[in-house]
Amino acid sequence: RGSIFLDEISNSSPILQMKLLRILQDKEFEAVGGQHTIKVDVRVILATNTDLANEVKEGRLREDLYYRINVATLHLPPLRERIGDIPLLAESFLRKYAKENEKRIESIADETMELLSRYNWPGNVRELENAIERAVVLTRNTVLTPMDLPPTLIGEGVELPELVHTPQEIVPLKQALEDPERLIIEKALQKLSGSRQKTAEALNINRTTLFNKMKKYELLEKY
């Protein structure tokens, strides 16, 4: 009367595939070392990042198992195609790892969230989770800033300024983040041929916010 989730089903061995097929068809199995058949009523949820039909064609997945599990299919697009999920996931991971590491981290800065939203995420949700965990472990602040993120997320050509220039001089965070923010916006505009609509969507901000930032950084005449 519960659910079981099996990840990467395409990597399962022939023996496991055979046992899983029996459970799905007959709703029964024997425990390891057991002598009695156990009846089971469970919802089975499987995940894969490969084309299972092709796995069947290549002989790596049993055809009868494929047709048995292919009852209801949910296609989950890659993270880069569902930018709106990034803030929700990032904040959830922040709470999780802040608690695990006993650190008081209140939120993720807007500039940091913009960087997270514009990144391509080839590693999908796992890469996002690793990035947030790393940031939580390394940060000394109560808010995650762009400087807490892995270098791969910052982008080529965007160099973060040093906050502390001398032991006596500390640059305010808002001022320190202006240069990377300007470079990020300009790089996005260049990549998207100056389209403000596409740039705003890529950076996950509205057009008014983009316009104000372009005005602030004197980019209106250029783009």
N, C-alpha and C. Protein backbone atom coordinates (compact mmCIF):
# COMPACT_ATOMS: atom_id res chain seq x y z
N ARG A 1 0.81 -1.21 0.00
CA ARG A 1 0.00 0.00 0.00
C ARG A 1 0.85 1.26 0.00
N GLY A 2 2.03 1.18 -0.54
CA GLY A 2 2.89 2.35 -0.59
C GLY A 2 3.46 2.55 -1.98
N SER A 3 4.55 3.29 -2.07
CA SER A 3 5.20 3.55 -3.35
C SER A 3 6.69 3.24 -3.23
N ILE A 4 7.28 2.76 -4.32
CA ILE A 4 8.72 2.54 -4.37
C ILE A 4 9.24 3.21 -5.64
N PHE A 5 10.34 3.95 -5.50
CA PHE A 5 10.93 4.68 -6.62
C PHE A 5 12.26 4.03 -6.99
N LEU A 6 12.39 3.63 -8.24
CA LEU A 6 13.62 3.02 -8.75
C LEU A 6 14.22 3.95 -9.81
N ASP A 7 15.40 4.47 -9.53
CA ASP A 7 16.05 5.42 -10.43
C ASP A 7 16.91 4.69 -11.46
N GLU A 8 17.05 5.28 -12.64
CA GLU A 8 17.90 4.75 -13.71
C GLU A 8 17.59 3.28 -14.00
N ILE A 9 16.35 2.98 -14.31
CA ILE A 9 15.93 1.61 -14.56
C ILE A 9 16.65 1.00 -15.76
N SER A 10 17.11 1.84 -16.68
CA SER A 10 17.80 1.33 -17.86
C SER A 10 19.14 0.68 -17.51
N ASN A 11 19.66 0.97 -16.32
CA ASN A 11 20.94 0.39 -15.89
C ASN A 11 20.77 -0.92 -15.12
N SER A 12 19.54 -1.38 -14.96
CA SER A 12 19.30 -2.59 -14.16
C SER A 12 19.79 -3.83 -14.89
N SER A 13 20.21 -4.82 -14.10
CA SER A 13 20.73 -6.07 -14.66
C SER A 13 19.60 -6.93 -15.19
N PRO A 14 19.90 -7.90 -16.06
CA PRO A 14 18.87 -8.82 -16.57
C PRO A 14 18.13 -9.55 -15.45
N ILE A 15 18.85 -9.93 -14.40
CA ILE A 15 18.21 -10.64 -13.28
C ILE A 15 17.22 -9.74 -12.56
N LEU A 16 17.63 -8.51 -12.31
CA LEU A 16 16.72 -7.57 -11.65
C LEU A 16 15.50 -7.29 -12.52
N GLN A 17 15.71 -7.16 -13.83
CA GLN A 17 14.59 -6.93 -14.73
C GLN A 17 13.59 -8.08 -14.67
N MET A 18 14.09 -9.29 -14.60
CA MET A 18 13.22 -10.46 -14.52
C MET A 18 12.42 -10.46 -13.22
N LYS A 19 13.08 -10.15 -12.11
CA LYS A 19 12.40 -10.13 -10.82
C LYS A 19 11.37 -9.00 -10.76
N LEU A 20 11.72 -7.86 -11.31
CA LEU A 20 10.79 -6.73 -11.30
C LEU A 20 9.56 -7.05 -12.14
N LEU A 21 9.77 -7.71 -13.27
CA LEU A 21 8.63 -8.08 -14.12
C LEU A 21 7.67 -9.00 -13.38
N ARG A 22 8.22 -9.93 -12.61
CA ARG A 22 7.36 -10.84 -11.86
C ARG A 22 6.54 -10.08 -10.82
N ILE A 23 7.19 -9.14 -10.14
CA ILE A 23 6.47 -8.36 -9.12
C ILE A 23 5.33 -7.57 -9.76
N LEU A 24 5.61 -6.98 -10.92
CA LEU A 24 4.60 -6.16 -11.57
C LEU A 24 3.45 -7.01 -12.11
N GLN A 25 3.77 -8.19 -12.61
CA GLN A 25 2.73 -9.03 -13.20
C GLN A 25 1.97 -9.86 -12.15
N ASP A 26 2.71 -10.51 -11.25
CA ASP A 26 2.09 -11.44 -10.31
C ASP A 26 1.90 -10.85 -8.91
N LYS A 27 2.53 -9.68 -8.67
CA LYS A 27 2.45 -9.03 -7.36
C LYS A 27 2.93 -9.94 -6.23
N GLU A 28 4.05 -10.61 -6.47
CA GLU A 28 4.61 -11.47 -5.44
C GLU A 28 6.11 -11.64 -5.64
N PHE A 29 6.80 -12.00 -4.55
CA PHE A 29 8.24 -12.22 -4.60
C PHE A 29 8.67 -13.03 -3.37
N GLU A 30 9.91 -13.51 -3.39
CA GLU A 30 10.49 -14.17 -2.23
C GLU A 30 11.65 -13.33 -1.71
N ALA A 31 11.68 -13.12 -0.42
CA ALA A 31 12.78 -12.37 0.17
C ALA A 31 14.07 -13.17 0.07
N VAL A 32 15.21 -12.49 0.08
CA VAL A 32 16.51 -13.16 0.01
C VAL A 32 16.64 -14.10 1.20
N GLY A 33 16.88 -15.37 0.91
CA GLY A 33 17.01 -16.36 1.97
C GLY A 33 15.69 -16.86 2.52
N GLY A 34 14.58 -16.30 2.02
CA GLY A 34 13.28 -16.70 2.52
C GLY A 34 12.73 -17.92 1.79
N GLN A 35 11.74 -18.55 2.39
CA GLN A 35 11.14 -19.75 1.81
C GLN A 35 9.67 -19.56 1.48
N HIS A 36 9.15 -18.38 1.78
CA HIS A 36 7.73 -18.14 1.57
C HIS A 36 7.53 -17.04 0.53
N THR A 37 6.49 -17.18 -0.27
CA THR A 37 6.13 -16.17 -1.25
C THR A 37 5.36 -15.04 -0.57
N ILE A 38 5.78 -13.82 -0.86
CA ILE A 38 5.17 -12.65 -0.24
C ILE A 38 4.34 -11.90 -1.28
N LYS A 39 3.11 -11.64 -0.95
CA LYS A 39 2.24 -10.85 -1.81
C LYS A 39 2.50 -9.36 -1.55
N VAL A 40 2.45 -8.57 -2.60
CA VAL A 40 2.73 -7.15 -2.44
C VAL A 40 1.77 -6.32 -3.28
N ASP A 41 1.35 -5.20 -2.72
CA ASP A 41 0.50 -4.25 -3.44
C ASP A 41 1.17 -2.89 -3.32
N VAL A 42 1.86 -2.47 -4.35
CA VAL A 42 2.68 -1.27 -4.26
C VAL A 42 2.67 -0.52 -5.58
N ARG A 43 2.77 0.78 -5.49
CA ARG A 43 2.92 1.61 -6.70
C ARG A 43 4.41 1.71 -7.03
N VAL A 44 4.76 1.38 -8.25
CA VAL A 44 6.16 1.41 -8.67
C VAL A 44 6.37 2.60 -9.61
N ILE A 45 7.32 3.45 -9.26
CA ILE A 45 7.66 4.61 -10.07
C ILE A 45 9.10 4.45 -10.54
N LEU A 46 9.30 4.51 -11.84
CA LEU A 46 10.62 4.31 -12.43
C LEU A 46 11.09 5.58 -13.11
N ALA A 47 12.40 5.78 -13.12
CA ALA A 47 12.96 6.96 -13.80
C ALA A 47 14.13 6.55 -14.67
N THR A 48 14.33 7.31 -15.74
CA THR A 48 15.46 7.05 -16.63
C THR A 48 15.78 8.32 -17.40
N ASN A 49 17.03 8.46 -17.79
CA ASN A 49 17.40 9.60 -18.64
C ASN A 49 17.74 9.13 -20.05
N THR A 50 17.33 7.89 -20.38
CA THR A 50 17.58 7.37 -21.71
C THR A 50 16.26 6.99 -22.39
N ASP A 51 16.33 6.75 -23.69
CA ASP A 51 15.16 6.33 -24.46
C ASP A 51 14.99 4.82 -24.26
N LEU A 52 13.96 4.43 -23.50
CA LEU A 52 13.79 3.02 -23.19
C LEU A 52 13.45 2.19 -24.42
N ALA A 53 12.72 2.79 -25.38
CA ALA A 53 12.41 2.06 -26.61
C ALA A 53 13.70 1.68 -27.34
N ASN A 54 14.66 2.59 -27.31
CA ASN A 54 15.96 2.29 -27.94
C ASN A 54 16.73 1.26 -27.14
N GLU A 55 16.58 1.29 -25.80
CA GLU A 55 17.23 0.29 -24.95
C GLU A 55 16.71 -1.11 -25.29
N VAL A 56 15.41 -1.20 -25.57
CA VAL A 56 14.82 -2.48 -25.97
C VAL A 56 15.41 -2.92 -27.31
N LYS A 57 15.48 -1.98 -28.23
CA LYS A 57 16.01 -2.27 -29.57
C LYS A 57 17.45 -2.75 -29.51
N GLU A 58 18.23 -2.17 -28.58
CA GLU A 58 19.64 -2.55 -28.45
C GLU A 58 19.83 -3.79 -27.59
N GLY A 59 18.74 -4.32 -27.05
CA GLY A 59 18.83 -5.55 -26.27
C GLY A 59 19.24 -5.38 -24.83
N ARG A 60 19.21 -4.16 -24.32
CA ARG A 60 19.63 -3.91 -22.94
C ARG A 60 18.45 -3.92 -21.96
N LEU A 61 17.23 -3.85 -22.49
CA LEU A 61 16.05 -3.87 -21.64
C LEU A 61 15.05 -4.88 -22.20
N ARG A 62 14.48 -5.68 -21.32
CA ARG A 62 13.52 -6.70 -21.74
C ARG A 62 12.31 -6.02 -22.38
N GLU A 63 11.86 -6.54 -23.50
CA GLU A 63 10.72 -5.97 -24.19
C GLU A 63 9.44 -6.12 -23.37
N ASP A 64 9.26 -7.29 -22.74
CA ASP A 64 8.04 -7.50 -21.95
C ASP A 64 8.01 -6.57 -20.73
N LEU A 65 9.18 -6.29 -20.16
CA LEU A 65 9.23 -5.35 -19.03
C LEU A 65 8.90 -3.95 -19.50
N TYR A 66 9.43 -3.58 -20.66
CA TYR A 66 9.18 -2.25 -21.21
C TYR A 66 7.67 -1.99 -21.37
N TYR A 67 6.98 -2.92 -21.97
CA TYR A 67 5.54 -2.74 -22.18
C TYR A 67 4.77 -2.81 -20.87
N ARG A 68 5.33 -3.50 -19.89
CA ARG A 68 4.65 -3.57 -18.59
C ARG A 68 4.78 -2.28 -17.81
N ILE A 69 5.91 -1.62 -17.90
CA ILE A 69 6.12 -0.38 -17.13
C ILE A 69 5.68 0.86 -17.88
N ASN A 70 5.50 0.74 -19.19
CA ASN A 70 5.14 1.91 -19.99
C ASN A 70 3.62 2.13 -19.96
N VAL A 71 3.10 2.31 -18.74
CA VAL A 71 1.66 2.51 -18.55
C VAL A 71 1.32 4.00 -18.57
N ALA A 72 1.95 4.74 -17.70
CA ALA A 72 1.75 6.20 -17.66
C ALA A 72 3.13 6.85 -17.64
N THR A 73 3.41 7.64 -18.64
CA THR A 73 4.74 8.26 -18.78
C THR A 73 4.66 9.75 -18.51
N LEU A 74 5.54 10.22 -17.66
CA LEU A 74 5.64 11.66 -17.38
C LEU A 74 7.00 12.14 -17.88
N HIS A 75 6.97 13.07 -18.82
CA HIS A 75 8.22 13.61 -19.35
C HIS A 75 8.61 14.85 -18.55
N LEU A 76 9.77 14.81 -17.94
CA LEU A 76 10.26 15.94 -17.17
C LEU A 76 11.35 16.64 -17.97
N PRO A 77 11.10 17.85 -18.46
CA PRO A 77 12.10 18.56 -19.27
C PRO A 77 13.36 18.85 -18.45
N PRO A 78 14.49 19.06 -19.10
CA PRO A 78 15.72 19.42 -18.37
C PRO A 78 15.53 20.74 -17.63
N LEU A 79 16.32 20.94 -16.61
CA LEU A 79 16.16 22.11 -15.74
C LEU A 79 16.25 23.43 -16.51
N ARG A 80 17.07 23.46 -17.56
CA ARG A 80 17.23 24.70 -18.32
C ARG A 80 15.94 25.10 -19.05
N GLU A 81 15.01 24.15 -19.21
CA GLU A 81 13.75 24.45 -19.87
C GLU A 81 12.62 24.76 -18.89
N ARG A 82 12.91 24.74 -17.61
CA ARG A 82 11.91 25.08 -16.60
C ARG A 82 12.56 25.97 -15.54
N ILE A 83 12.94 27.17 -16.00
CA ILE A 83 13.66 28.11 -15.15
C ILE A 83 12.87 28.47 -13.90
N GLY A 84 11.54 28.46 -14.02
CA GLY A 84 10.71 28.82 -12.88
C GLY A 84 10.87 27.89 -11.69
N ASP A 85 11.38 26.67 -11.93
CA ASP A 85 11.58 25.71 -10.83
C ASP A 85 12.86 25.99 -10.05
N ILE A 86 13.79 26.72 -10.66
CA ILE A 86 15.11 26.91 -10.04
C ILE A 86 15.03 27.60 -8.69
N PRO A 87 14.30 28.74 -8.55
CA PRO A 87 14.23 29.36 -7.22
C PRO A 87 13.63 28.44 -6.16
N LEU A 88 12.59 27.69 -6.52
CA LEU A 88 11.96 26.79 -5.55
C LEU A 88 12.92 25.71 -5.09
N LEU A 89 13.63 25.11 -6.06
CA LEU A 89 14.58 24.05 -5.73
C LEU A 89 15.77 24.61 -4.94
N ALA A 90 16.28 25.75 -5.38
CA ALA A 90 17.45 26.34 -4.72
C ALA A 90 17.14 26.68 -3.26
N GLU A 91 15.98 27.25 -3.01
CA GLU A 91 15.61 27.61 -1.63
C GLU A 91 15.39 26.37 -0.78
N SER A 92 14.85 25.31 -1.40
CA SER A 92 14.66 24.06 -0.66
C SER A 92 16.00 23.45 -0.28
N PHE A 93 16.94 23.45 -1.23
CA PHE A 93 18.28 22.92 -0.93
C PHE A 93 19.00 23.80 0.10
N LEU A 94 18.76 25.10 0.04
CA LEU A 94 19.38 26.01 1.02
C LEU A 94 18.93 25.65 2.43
N ARG A 95 17.64 25.46 2.63
CA ARG A 95 17.13 25.11 3.95
C ARG A 95 17.70 23.76 4.41
N LYS A 96 17.75 22.82 3.49
CA LYS A 96 18.24 21.47 3.82
C LYS A 96 19.69 21.51 4.30
N TYR A 97 20.56 22.15 3.53
CA TYR A 97 21.98 22.09 3.85
C TYR A 97 22.38 23.10 4.93
N ALA A 98 21.63 24.17 5.07
CA ALA A 98 21.88 25.08 6.19
C ALA A 98 21.60 24.37 7.51
N LYS A 99 20.53 23.57 7.52
CA LYS A 99 20.20 22.81 8.73
C LYS A 99 21.24 21.73 8.99
N GLU A 100 21.65 21.01 7.93
CA GLU A 100 22.62 19.94 8.11
C GLU A 100 23.97 20.47 8.61
N ASN A 101 24.35 21.66 8.14
CA ASN A 101 25.64 22.23 8.52
C ASN A 101 25.54 23.20 9.69
N GLU A 102 24.34 23.31 10.26
CA GLU A 102 24.11 24.17 11.42
C GLU A 102 24.60 25.59 11.16
N LYS A 103 24.17 26.13 10.01
CA LYS A 103 24.56 27.49 9.64
C LYS A 103 23.31 28.35 9.51
N ARG A 104 23.42 29.58 9.91
CA ARG A 104 22.29 30.51 9.83
C ARG A 104 22.39 31.29 8.52
N ILE A 105 21.73 30.78 7.51
CA ILE A 105 21.71 31.43 6.20
C ILE A 105 20.26 31.74 5.88
N GLU A 106 19.94 33.01 5.73
CA GLU A 106 18.56 33.43 5.63
C GLU A 106 17.96 33.33 4.23
N SER A 107 18.77 33.61 3.20
CA SER A 107 18.20 33.66 1.86
C SER A 107 19.29 33.62 0.80
N ILE A 108 18.84 33.69 -0.45
CA ILE A 108 19.73 33.76 -1.61
C ILE A 108 19.58 35.14 -2.23
N ALA A 109 20.67 35.84 -2.41
CA ALA A 109 20.61 37.19 -2.97
C ALA A 109 20.01 37.18 -4.37
N ASP A 110 19.35 38.28 -4.74
CA ASP A 110 18.72 38.37 -6.07
C ASP A 110 19.75 38.16 -7.18
N GLU A 111 20.95 38.73 -6.99
CA GLU A 111 21.99 38.59 -8.01
C GLU A 111 22.42 37.13 -8.16
N THR A 112 22.46 36.43 -7.04
CA THR A 112 22.82 35.01 -7.07
C THR A 112 21.74 34.20 -7.78
N MET A 113 20.49 34.52 -7.48
CA MET A 113 19.38 33.80 -8.11
C MET A 113 19.36 34.03 -9.61
N GLU A 114 19.73 35.24 -10.04
CA GLU A 114 19.79 35.53 -11.47
C GLU A 114 20.86 34.67 -12.15
N LEU A 115 21.99 34.49 -11.48
CA LEU A 115 23.04 33.64 -12.04
C LEU A 115 22.57 32.19 -12.12
N LEU A 116 21.90 31.74 -11.07
CA LEU A 116 21.38 30.37 -11.08
C LEU A 116 20.37 30.17 -12.21
N SER A 117 19.58 31.20 -12.48
CA SER A 117 18.52 31.08 -13.48
C SER A 117 19.03 31.15 -14.91
N ARG A 118 20.19 31.77 -15.12
CA ARG A 118 20.70 31.91 -16.48
C ARG A 118 21.68 30.79 -16.87
N TYR A 119 22.07 29.98 -15.90
CA TYR A 119 23.01 28.88 -16.16
C TYR A 119 22.31 27.74 -16.90
N ASN A 120 23.05 27.01 -17.71
CA ASN A 120 22.48 25.97 -18.57
C ASN A 120 22.16 24.66 -17.85
N TRP A 121 22.78 24.39 -16.73
CA TRP A 121 22.56 23.20 -15.90
C TRP A 121 22.63 21.88 -16.68
N PRO A 122 23.80 21.56 -17.24
CA PRO A 122 23.93 20.27 -17.93
C PRO A 122 23.74 19.08 -16.99
N GLY A 123 24.00 19.28 -15.70
CA GLY A 123 23.81 18.21 -14.72
C GLY A 123 22.44 18.23 -14.06
N ASN A 124 21.55 19.11 -14.55
CA ASN A 124 20.17 19.19 -14.06
C ASN A 124 20.10 19.42 -12.54
N VAL A 125 19.09 18.81 -11.90
CA VAL A 125 18.81 19.12 -10.49
C VAL A 125 19.96 18.71 -9.58
N ARG A 126 20.62 17.61 -9.91
CA ARG A 126 21.75 17.18 -9.06
C ARG A 126 22.85 18.23 -9.04
N GLU A 127 23.12 18.84 -10.19
CA GLU A 127 24.16 19.87 -10.24
C GLU A 127 23.75 21.10 -9.44
N LEU A 128 22.47 21.47 -9.52
CA LEU A 128 21.97 22.60 -8.74
C LEU A 128 22.11 22.30 -7.25
N GLU A 129 21.74 21.10 -6.85
CA GLU A 129 21.84 20.74 -5.43
C GLU A 129 23.29 20.80 -4.96
N ASN A 130 24.22 20.29 -5.78
CA ASN A 130 25.63 20.33 -5.41
C ASN A 130 26.15 21.76 -5.30
N ALA A 131 25.67 22.63 -6.20
CA ALA A 131 26.12 24.03 -6.18
C ALA A 131 25.64 24.72 -4.90
N ILE A 132 24.39 24.47 -4.50
CA ILE A 132 23.87 25.09 -3.29
C ILE A 132 24.56 24.53 -2.06
N GLU A 133 24.79 23.22 -2.04
CA GLU A 133 25.48 22.62 -0.88
C GLU A 133 26.87 23.22 -0.74
N ARG A 134 27.58 23.36 -1.86
CA ARG A 134 28.93 23.95 -1.83
C ARG A 134 28.88 25.38 -1.30
N ALA A 135 27.91 26.15 -1.78
CA ALA A 135 27.79 27.54 -1.36
C ALA A 135 27.50 27.64 0.13
N VAL A 136 26.63 26.77 0.62
CA VAL A 136 26.29 26.79 2.04
C VAL A 136 27.52 26.47 2.89
N VAL A 137 28.28 25.47 2.47
CA VAL A 137 29.45 25.05 3.23
C VAL A 137 30.52 26.14 3.27
N LEU A 138 30.72 26.83 2.15
CA LEU A 138 31.82 27.78 2.04
C LEU A 138 31.50 29.19 2.51
N THR A 139 30.24 29.60 2.44
CA THR A 139 29.92 31.00 2.73
C THR A 139 30.13 31.35 4.20
N ARG A 140 30.46 32.62 4.41
CA ARG A 140 30.57 33.15 5.77
C ARG A 140 29.48 34.19 6.02
N ASN A 141 28.56 34.28 5.06
CA ASN A 141 27.50 35.29 5.14
C ASN A 141 26.18 34.64 5.52
N THR A 142 25.20 35.48 5.82
CA THR A 142 23.85 34.99 6.10
C THR A 142 22.99 34.98 4.85
N VAL A 143 23.56 35.48 3.75
CA VAL A 143 22.89 35.49 2.45
C VAL A 143 23.87 34.94 1.41
N LEU A 144 23.41 34.03 0.55
CA LEU A 144 24.30 33.48 -0.48
C LEU A 144 24.52 34.52 -1.57
N THR A 145 25.77 34.83 -1.85
CA THR A 145 26.12 35.81 -2.87
C THR A 145 26.73 35.09 -4.08
N PRO A 146 26.87 35.79 -5.22
CA PRO A 146 27.50 35.15 -6.38
C PRO A 146 28.88 34.59 -6.09
N MET A 147 29.59 35.21 -5.14
CA MET A 147 30.94 34.75 -4.82
C MET A 147 30.96 33.40 -4.14
N ASP A 148 29.79 32.95 -3.68
CA ASP A 148 29.70 31.63 -3.04
C ASP A 148 29.49 30.51 -4.06
N LEU A 149 29.18 30.86 -5.30
CA LEU A 149 28.86 29.86 -6.32
C LEU A 149 30.12 29.30 -6.97
N PRO A 150 30.04 28.09 -7.54
CA PRO A 150 31.18 27.52 -8.27
C PRO A 150 31.55 28.42 -9.45
N PRO A 151 32.82 28.47 -9.82
CA PRO A 151 33.26 29.32 -10.93
C PRO A 151 32.51 29.06 -12.23
N THR A 152 32.10 27.83 -12.48
CA THR A 152 31.41 27.50 -13.74
C THR A 152 30.09 28.24 -13.88
N LEU A 153 29.50 28.66 -12.77
CA LEU A 153 28.21 29.34 -12.82
C LEU A 153 28.35 30.83 -13.09
N ILE A 154 29.53 31.35 -12.86
CA ILE A 154 29.72 32.79 -13.00
C ILE A 154 29.72 33.20 -14.46
N GLY A 155 30.29 32.37 -15.32
CA GLY A 155 30.31 32.68 -16.75
C GLY A 155 31.65 33.20 -17.20
N GLU A 156 31.97 32.91 -18.44
CA GLU A 156 33.25 33.36 -19.01
C GLU A 156 33.25 34.88 -19.13
N GLY A 157 34.37 35.45 -18.79
CA GLY A 157 34.50 36.89 -18.93
C GLY A 157 33.93 37.68 -17.79
N VAL A 158 33.32 37.02 -16.81
CA VAL A 158 32.77 37.73 -15.66
C VAL A 158 33.67 37.46 -14.47
N GLU A 159 34.35 38.48 -14.04
CA GLU A 159 35.25 38.33 -12.91
C GLU A 159 34.66 39.04 -11.71
N LEU A 160 34.58 38.34 -10.61
CA LEU A 160 34.04 38.94 -9.41
C LEU A 160 35.10 39.81 -8.76
N PRO A 161 34.72 41.00 -8.31
CA PRO A 161 35.67 41.91 -7.69
C PRO A 161 36.05 41.43 -6.30
N GLU A 162 37.19 41.88 -5.85
CA GLU A 162 37.59 41.59 -4.48
C GLU A 162 36.81 42.50 -3.55
N LEU A 163 36.20 41.93 -2.54
CA LEU A 163 35.46 42.75 -1.59
C LEU A 163 36.41 43.54 -0.70
N VAL A 164 37.49 42.91 -0.32
CA VAL A 164 38.41 43.57 0.59
C VAL A 164 39.67 43.97 -0.17
N HIS A 165 39.86 45.29 -0.35
CA HIS A 165 41.03 45.77 -1.09
C HIS A 165 42.22 45.96 -0.14
N THR A 166 41.95 46.42 1.03
CA THR A 166 42.98 46.57 2.06
C THR A 166 42.33 46.19 3.38
N PRO A 167 43.14 45.94 4.40
CA PRO A 167 42.55 45.61 5.70
C PRO A 167 41.62 46.69 6.23
N GLN A 168 41.83 47.96 5.77
CA GLN A 168 41.02 49.06 6.27
C GLN A 168 39.82 49.35 5.38
N GLU A 169 39.79 48.83 4.12
CA GLU A 169 38.75 49.21 3.18
C GLU A 169 37.88 48.02 2.81
N ILE A 170 36.59 48.10 3.09
CA ILE A 170 35.64 47.06 2.73
C ILE A 170 34.58 47.68 1.84
N VAL A 171 34.43 47.12 0.64
CA VAL A 171 33.45 47.63 -0.32
C VAL A 171 32.09 47.06 0.03
N PRO A 172 31.05 47.91 0.10
CA PRO A 172 29.70 47.41 0.37
C PRO A 172 29.30 46.35 -0.66
N LEU A 173 28.53 45.35 -0.21
CA LEU A 173 28.16 44.24 -1.08
C LEU A 173 27.43 44.72 -2.33
N LYS A 174 26.49 45.64 -2.17
CA LYS A 174 25.72 46.13 -3.31
C LYS A 174 26.63 46.74 -4.37
N GLN A 175 27.62 47.52 -3.91
CA GLN A 175 28.56 48.14 -4.85
C GLN A 175 29.46 47.10 -5.49
N ALA A 176 29.90 46.11 -4.70
CA ALA A 176 30.80 45.09 -5.21
C ALA A 176 30.15 44.23 -6.28
N LEU A 177 28.82 44.10 -6.22
CA LEU A 177 28.11 43.23 -7.17
C LEU A 177 27.70 43.94 -8.45
N GLU A 178 27.91 45.24 -8.52
CA GLU A 178 27.48 45.99 -9.71
C GLU A 178 28.26 45.58 -10.95
N ASP A 179 29.57 45.41 -10.85
CA ASP A 179 30.37 45.06 -12.03
C ASP A 179 29.98 43.71 -12.61
N PRO A 180 29.89 42.64 -11.79
CA PRO A 180 29.47 41.36 -12.37
C PRO A 180 28.06 41.40 -12.92
N GLU A 181 27.17 42.16 -12.29
CA GLU A 181 25.80 42.24 -12.79
C GLU A 181 25.78 42.91 -14.16
N ARG A 182 26.53 43.99 -14.31
CA ARG A 182 26.59 44.69 -15.60
C ARG A 182 27.15 43.77 -16.68
N LEU A 183 28.22 43.05 -16.35
CA LEU A 183 28.83 42.15 -17.32
C LEU A 183 27.89 41.01 -17.72
N ILE A 184 27.14 40.49 -16.75
CA ILE A 184 26.20 39.41 -17.03
C ILE A 184 25.11 39.89 -17.98
N ILE A 185 24.57 41.07 -17.71
CA ILE A 185 23.51 41.63 -18.56
C ILE A 185 24.04 41.91 -19.96
N GLU A 186 25.23 42.50 -20.04
CA GLU A 186 25.79 42.83 -21.35
C GLU A 186 26.11 41.57 -22.15
N LYS A 187 26.62 40.55 -21.48
CA LYS A 187 26.92 39.30 -22.17
C LYS A 187 25.66 38.65 -22.70
N ALA A 188 24.58 38.69 -21.91
CA ALA A 188 23.32 38.12 -22.35
C ALA A 188 22.76 38.89 -23.55
N LEU A 189 22.86 40.20 -23.51
CA LEU A 189 22.38 41.02 -24.63
C LEU A 189 23.17 40.72 -25.91
N GLN A 190 24.47 40.56 -25.76
CA GLN A 190 25.30 40.23 -26.91
C GLN A 190 24.90 38.88 -27.50
N LYS A 191 24.72 37.89 -26.64
CA LYS A 191 24.39 36.54 -27.09
C LYS A 191 23.03 36.49 -27.76
N LEU A 192 22.10 37.34 -27.30
CA LEU A 192 20.73 37.32 -27.81
C LEU A 192 20.47 38.46 -28.79
N SER A 193 21.53 38.96 -29.41
CA SER A 193 21.46 39.99 -30.46
C SER A 193 20.71 41.23 -30.01
N GLY A 194 20.84 41.58 -28.75
CA GLY A 194 20.25 42.82 -28.25
C GLY A 194 18.77 42.75 -27.94
N SER A 195 18.18 41.58 -28.06
CA SER A 195 16.74 41.44 -27.78
C SER A 195 16.48 41.57 -26.28
N ARG A 196 15.78 42.63 -25.90
CA ARG A 196 15.52 42.85 -24.48
C ARG A 196 14.52 41.83 -23.93
N GLN A 197 13.55 41.46 -24.76
CA GLN A 197 12.55 40.48 -24.32
C GLN A 197 13.21 39.14 -24.01
N LYS A 198 14.04 38.66 -24.95
CA LYS A 198 14.70 37.36 -24.76
C LYS A 198 15.71 37.43 -23.61
N THR A 199 16.38 38.58 -23.48
CA THR A 199 17.35 38.73 -22.40
C THR A 199 16.67 38.71 -21.05
N ALA A 200 15.54 39.40 -20.94
CA ALA A 200 14.79 39.40 -19.68
C ALA A 200 14.33 37.99 -19.33
N GLU A 201 13.86 37.25 -20.33
CA GLU A 201 13.40 35.88 -20.09
C GLU A 201 14.57 34.98 -19.68
N ALA A 202 15.72 35.15 -20.34
CA ALA A 202 16.89 34.32 -20.03
C ALA A 202 17.42 34.58 -18.62
N LEU A 203 17.33 35.85 -18.19
CA LEU A 203 17.81 36.22 -16.86
C LEU A 203 16.73 36.07 -15.79
N ASN A 204 15.52 35.68 -16.23
CA ASN A 204 14.39 35.46 -15.31
C ASN A 204 14.02 36.73 -14.55
N ILE A 205 14.03 37.86 -15.27
CA ILE A 205 13.57 39.13 -14.70
C ILE A 205 12.59 39.74 -15.69
N ASN A 206 11.77 40.70 -15.24
CA ASN A 206 10.84 41.32 -16.17
C ASN A 206 11.54 42.41 -16.97
N ARG A 207 10.87 42.88 -18.04
CA ARG A 207 11.50 43.84 -18.95
C ARG A 207 11.74 45.18 -18.27
N THR A 208 10.87 45.55 -17.35
CA THR A 208 11.05 46.82 -16.64
C THR A 208 12.32 46.80 -15.80
N THR A 209 12.53 45.68 -15.11
CA THR A 209 13.75 45.54 -14.31
C THR A 209 14.99 45.59 -15.20
N LEU A 210 14.91 44.89 -16.34
CA LEU A 210 16.04 44.90 -17.28
C LEU A 210 16.30 46.31 -17.80
N PHE A 211 15.22 47.02 -18.17
CA PHE A 211 15.37 48.38 -18.68
C PHE A 211 16.05 49.27 -17.64
N ASN A 212 15.60 49.18 -16.39
CA ASN A 212 16.18 50.02 -15.33
C ASN A 212 17.66 49.70 -15.11
N LYS A 213 18.00 48.42 -15.20
CA LYS A 213 19.40 48.05 -15.00
C LYS A 213 20.25 48.49 -16.20
N MET A 214 19.68 48.41 -17.41
CA MET A 214 20.40 48.88 -18.59
C MET A 214 20.62 50.39 -18.51
N LYS A 215 19.63 51.07 -18.02
CA LYS A 215 19.75 52.52 -17.85
C LYS A 215 20.82 52.85 -16.81
N LYS A 216 20.81 52.10 -15.73
CA LYS A 216 21.78 52.30 -14.65
C LYS A 216 23.21 52.10 -15.14
N TYR A 217 23.41 51.08 -15.98
CA TYR A 217 24.75 50.74 -16.46
C TYR A 217 25.07 51.34 -17.84
N GLU A 218 24.21 52.29 -18.29
CA GLU A 218 24.44 53.02 -19.53
C GLU A 218 24.56 52.08 -20.73
N LEU A 219 23.63 51.13 -20.82
CA LEU A 219 23.63 50.17 -21.92
C LEU A 219 22.51 50.41 -22.93
N LEU A 220 21.66 51.42 -22.67
CA LEU A 220 20.49 51.64 -23.53
C LEU A 220 20.90 52.06 -24.95
N GLU A 221 21.89 52.91 -25.07
CA GLU A 221 22.30 53.37 -26.40
C GLU A 221 23.03 52.27 -27.17
N LYS A 222 23.66 51.37 -26.45
CA LYS A 222 24.43 50.31 -27.08
C LYS A 222 23.54 49.18 -27.57
N TYR A 223 22.40 48.93 -26.86
CA TYR A 223 21.51 47.85 -27.21
C TYR A 223 20.09 48.41 -27.30
